[in-house]
Amino acid sequence: MRAIHDVDGWLDAIAAGQGVGTTSEATIAHHQRAGIAHRRIGDGPCIPVRLAWRRDAPPPAAAVLAELLGELYDR
């Protein structure tokens, strides 16, 4: 086992055959790597999802958007 400090290093290690791992769909979308196969884990756990915005400049409809997203994710 070796220490990995970021997603890119972790994916590089997997691509080099030095390990395997589990991750969210977001990693696949934002950190493409040649040579890595991804397989969906059908009964994998749900992960927390957060709505984010700049702390000192909330969008005018932040409360409405948070409520809508809450309804969509609470299915």
Protein backbone atom coordinates (compact mmCIF):
# COMPACT_ATOMS: atom_id res chain seq x y z
CA MET A 1 0.00 0.00 0.00
CA ARG A 2 1.20 3.51 -0.74
CA ALA A 3 -0.14 6.93 0.13
CA ILE A 4 -2.11 8.64 -2.63
CA HIS A 5 -2.85 12.33 -2.16
CA ASP A 6 -5.24 13.18 -4.98
CA VAL A 7 -7.64 11.72 -7.54
CA ASP A 8 -5.15 11.97 -10.39
CA GLY A 9 -2.49 10.03 -8.46
CA TRP A 10 -5.06 7.42 -7.47
CA LEU A 11 -6.19 6.95 -11.08
CA ASP A 12 -2.58 6.83 -12.28
CA ALA A 13 -1.89 4.01 -9.81
CA ILE A 14 -4.95 2.08 -11.00
CA ALA A 15 -3.96 2.59 -14.66
CA ALA A 16 -0.48 1.28 -13.83
CA GLY A 17 -1.98 -1.92 -12.38
CA GLN A 18 -1.13 -1.02 -8.78
CA GLY A 19 -4.61 -1.32 -7.35
CA VAL A 20 -8.36 -1.05 -7.75
CA GLY A 21 -10.88 1.29 -6.20
CA THR A 22 -14.48 2.44 -5.96
CA THR A 23 -15.65 5.92 -6.83
CA SER A 24 -18.68 7.99 -7.76
CA GLU A 25 -19.95 8.65 -11.28
CA ALA A 26 -18.46 12.16 -11.01
CA THR A 27 -14.91 10.80 -11.07
CA ILE A 28 -15.60 9.00 -14.33
CA ALA A 29 -17.06 12.15 -15.88
CA HIS A 30 -14.35 14.56 -14.72
CA HIS A 31 -11.18 12.45 -14.62
CA GLN A 32 -11.05 10.26 -17.73
CA ARG A 33 -8.14 7.79 -17.86
CA ALA A 34 -7.19 5.50 -20.71
CA GLY A 35 -6.75 1.91 -19.65
CA ILE A 36 -9.21 1.95 -16.75
CA ALA A 37 -12.42 -0.09 -16.87
CA HIS A 38 -15.43 1.08 -14.87
CA ARG A 39 -18.25 -1.22 -13.81
CA ARG A 40 -21.43 -0.07 -12.11
CA ILE A 41 -22.05 -1.51 -8.64
CA GLY A 42 -25.81 -2.03 -8.79
CA ASP A 43 -26.46 -2.13 -5.08
CA GLY A 44 -23.81 0.42 -4.13
CA PRO A 45 -24.61 2.94 -1.40
CA CYS A 46 -26.06 6.38 -2.11
CA ILE A 47 -23.66 9.25 -1.59
CA PRO A 48 -24.46 12.65 -0.07
CA VAL A 49 -25.06 15.39 -2.64
CA ARG A 50 -24.79 19.08 -1.78
CA LEU A 51 -25.90 22.29 -3.48
CA ALA A 52 -23.11 24.88 -3.45
CA TRP A 53 -22.78 28.59 -4.17
CA ARG A 54 -20.47 31.43 -3.28
CA ARG A 55 -20.89 32.13 0.43
CA ASP A 56 -21.35 35.91 0.15
CA ALA A 57 -23.51 35.84 -3.00
CA PRO A 58 -26.33 33.30 -2.76
CA PRO A 59 -28.40 33.05 -5.93
CA PRO A 60 -31.83 34.72 -5.68
CA ALA A 61 -33.67 31.40 -6.03
CA ALA A 62 -31.40 29.34 -3.75
CA ALA A 63 -34.24 28.26 -1.45
CA VAL A 64 -36.48 27.25 -4.35
CA LEU A 65 -33.66 25.35 -6.04
CA ALA A 66 -32.73 23.57 -2.79
CA GLU A 67 -36.35 22.50 -2.30
CA LEU A 68 -36.65 21.23 -5.89
CA LEU A 69 -33.40 19.29 -5.69
CA GLY A 70 -34.45 17.87 -2.33
CA GLU A 71 -37.63 16.53 -3.92
CA LEU A 72 -35.67 15.00 -6.81
CA TYR A 73 -33.04 13.33 -4.63
CA ASP A 74 -35.41 12.12 -1.91
CA ARG A 75 -37.10 9.66 -4.29
